[in-house]
Amino acid sequence: MLAGLQKAEGTVNMAITRNFKDTVQARALRDEEFRQGLLTESVECMLSGDTNTGKSLLRDYINATVGFEKLADMTDKPSKSLMRMFSPSGNPTANNLFAIINTLQQQEGVRLQIQVGHQSKVANHSI
């Protein structure tokens, strides 16, 4: 079976033994900074216009932490509706999205803040 993983050069590719979801969940359970980074990055992606990546990261965060069933209890929303909101084709309303982010912040014990920054203008100089 492992022979099929060998390359012509004689190196062996390691088979992935845990799926991505399990790996993210294990890391999130033991690493507070990683957990908070997932939550922060998901919101930053959404604010920058990359809503698909933001929803995907938020879905990973939810799966790795509270889970959709517990989030449903916390938000009084059906778990199936929450799963649909954060699916690739999901389109949560602003009210739902910000209520969920608020709930997740409370659960995590953090408060995300927005800082104003200015985009730098690149000067085009000719010599």
Protein backbone atom coordinates (compact mmCIF):
# COMPACT_ATOMS: atom_id res chain seq x y z
CA MET A 1 0.00 0.00 0.00
CA LEU A 2 2.79 2.49 0.87
CA ALA A 3 4.59 1.61 -2.35
CA GLY A 4 2.03 3.70 -4.23
CA LEU A 5 3.08 6.74 -2.20
CA GLN A 6 6.72 6.50 -3.19
CA LYS A 7 8.11 8.83 -5.81
CA ALA A 8 10.68 7.92 -8.41
CA GLU A 9 13.38 9.65 -6.34
CA GLY A 10 12.76 7.25 -3.47
CA THR A 11 11.05 9.75 -1.15
CA VAL A 12 7.78 8.87 0.54
CA ASN A 13 4.83 11.26 0.89
CA MET A 14 3.25 11.03 4.31
CA ALA A 15 -0.44 10.21 4.28
CA ILE A 16 -2.63 12.66 6.16
CA THR A 17 -3.95 10.80 9.19
CA ARG A 18 -6.32 13.44 10.54
CA ASN A 19 -8.68 15.52 8.51
CA PHE A 20 -8.43 19.29 8.51
CA LYS A 21 -11.45 19.82 10.78
CA ASP A 22 -10.00 17.56 13.47
CA THR A 23 -6.61 19.25 13.23
CA VAL A 24 -8.12 22.74 13.54
CA GLN A 25 -10.32 21.64 16.43
CA ALA A 26 -7.43 20.05 18.32
CA ARG A 27 -5.31 23.17 17.92
CA ALA A 28 -8.19 25.48 18.88
CA LEU A 29 -8.85 23.50 22.05
CA ARG A 30 -5.27 23.85 23.26
CA ASP A 31 -4.23 27.21 21.79
CA GLU A 32 -6.16 30.32 22.85
CA GLU A 33 -4.15 32.58 20.55
CA PHE A 34 -4.98 30.36 17.54
CA ARG A 35 -8.68 30.36 18.47
CA GLN A 36 -8.79 34.11 18.80
CA GLY A 37 -6.81 34.46 15.57
CA LEU A 38 -9.42 32.42 13.68
CA LEU A 39 -12.20 34.64 14.99
CA THR A 40 -10.28 37.84 14.27
CA GLU A 41 -9.18 36.78 10.80
CA SER A 42 -12.72 35.79 9.84
CA VAL A 43 -14.03 39.25 10.73
CA GLU A 44 -11.10 41.00 9.05
CA CYS A 45 -11.75 39.04 5.83
CA MET A 46 -15.40 40.06 5.87
CA LEU A 47 -14.54 43.71 6.50
CA SER A 48 -12.12 43.68 3.58
CA GLY A 49 -14.79 42.30 1.24
CA ASP A 50 -13.71 38.65 1.19
CA THR A 51 -16.95 37.36 2.69
CA ASN A 52 -16.53 33.80 1.41
CA THR A 53 -13.22 33.34 3.22
CA GLY A 54 -14.59 35.12 6.28
CA LYS A 55 -17.62 32.81 6.44
CA SER A 56 -15.41 29.77 5.92
CA LEU A 57 -13.07 30.79 8.75
CA LEU A 58 -16.01 31.57 11.02
CA ARG A 59 -17.51 28.16 10.22
CA ASP A 60 -14.15 26.55 11.11
CA TYR A 61 -14.06 28.56 14.33
CA ILE A 62 -17.61 27.52 15.28
CA ASN A 63 -16.92 23.85 14.51
CA ALA A 64 -13.68 23.94 16.49
CA THR A 65 -15.13 25.66 19.55
CA VAL A 66 -18.80 25.78 20.52
CA GLY A 67 -20.28 23.80 17.64
CA PHE A 68 -23.47 24.66 15.78
CA GLU A 69 -25.81 22.94 18.25
CA LYS A 70 -24.58 24.96 21.23
CA LEU A 71 -24.46 28.15 19.14
CA ALA A 72 -28.10 27.48 18.19
CA ASP A 73 -29.03 27.36 21.89
CA MET A 74 -27.03 30.52 22.59
CA THR A 75 -28.59 32.50 19.74
CA ASP A 76 -32.11 31.01 19.67
CA LYS A 77 -31.61 30.14 16.00
CA PRO A 78 -31.98 26.64 14.53
CA SER A 79 -28.62 24.91 14.02
CA LYS A 80 -29.53 24.06 10.41
CA SER A 81 -30.13 27.76 9.70
CA LEU A 82 -26.77 28.64 11.22
CA MET A 83 -25.05 25.98 9.10
CA ARG A 84 -26.71 27.35 5.97
CA MET A 85 -25.68 30.92 6.84
CA PHE A 86 -22.01 29.92 6.89
CA SER A 87 -22.10 27.53 3.96
CA PRO A 88 -20.36 28.63 0.73
CA SER A 89 -23.68 29.81 -0.70
CA GLY A 90 -24.96 31.20 2.61
CA ASN A 91 -25.89 34.85 2.94
CA PRO A 92 -26.48 35.79 6.58
CA THR A 93 -28.24 39.08 7.27
CA ALA A 94 -26.23 41.77 9.02
CA ASN A 95 -28.42 41.34 12.11
CA ASN A 96 -27.72 37.61 12.27
CA LEU A 97 -24.02 37.93 11.46
CA PHE A 98 -23.31 40.58 14.09
CA ALA A 99 -25.46 38.83 16.72
CA ILE A 100 -23.46 35.63 16.14
CA ILE A 101 -20.12 37.45 16.24
CA ASN A 102 -21.19 39.15 19.48
CA THR A 103 -22.16 35.78 20.99
CA LEU A 104 -18.85 34.23 19.93
CA GLN A 105 -16.90 37.16 21.41
CA GLN A 106 -18.70 36.68 24.72
CA GLN A 107 -18.03 32.94 24.64
CA GLU A 108 -14.34 33.55 23.88
CA GLY A 109 -14.05 36.37 26.43
CA VAL A 110 -12.74 38.88 23.90
CA ARG A 111 -13.93 42.11 22.35
CA LEU A 112 -12.90 42.75 18.76
CA GLN A 113 -12.15 46.37 17.90
CA ILE A 114 -11.75 48.24 14.66
CA GLN A 115 -8.85 50.59 14.11
CA VAL A 116 -8.82 53.22 11.43
CA GLY A 117 -5.93 52.93 9.05
CA HIS A 118 -5.18 54.75 5.86
CA GLN A 119 -4.21 52.98 2.70
CA SER A 120 -0.89 54.25 1.48
CA LYS A 121 -0.79 55.75 -1.95
CA VAL A 122 1.99 54.48 -4.14
CA ALA A 123 3.64 57.28 -6.04
CA ASN A 124 4.56 56.57 -9.63
CA HIS A 125 7.78 58.45 -10.27
CA SER A 126 9.53 58.47 -13.62
CA ILE A 127 13.23 59.07 -13.92
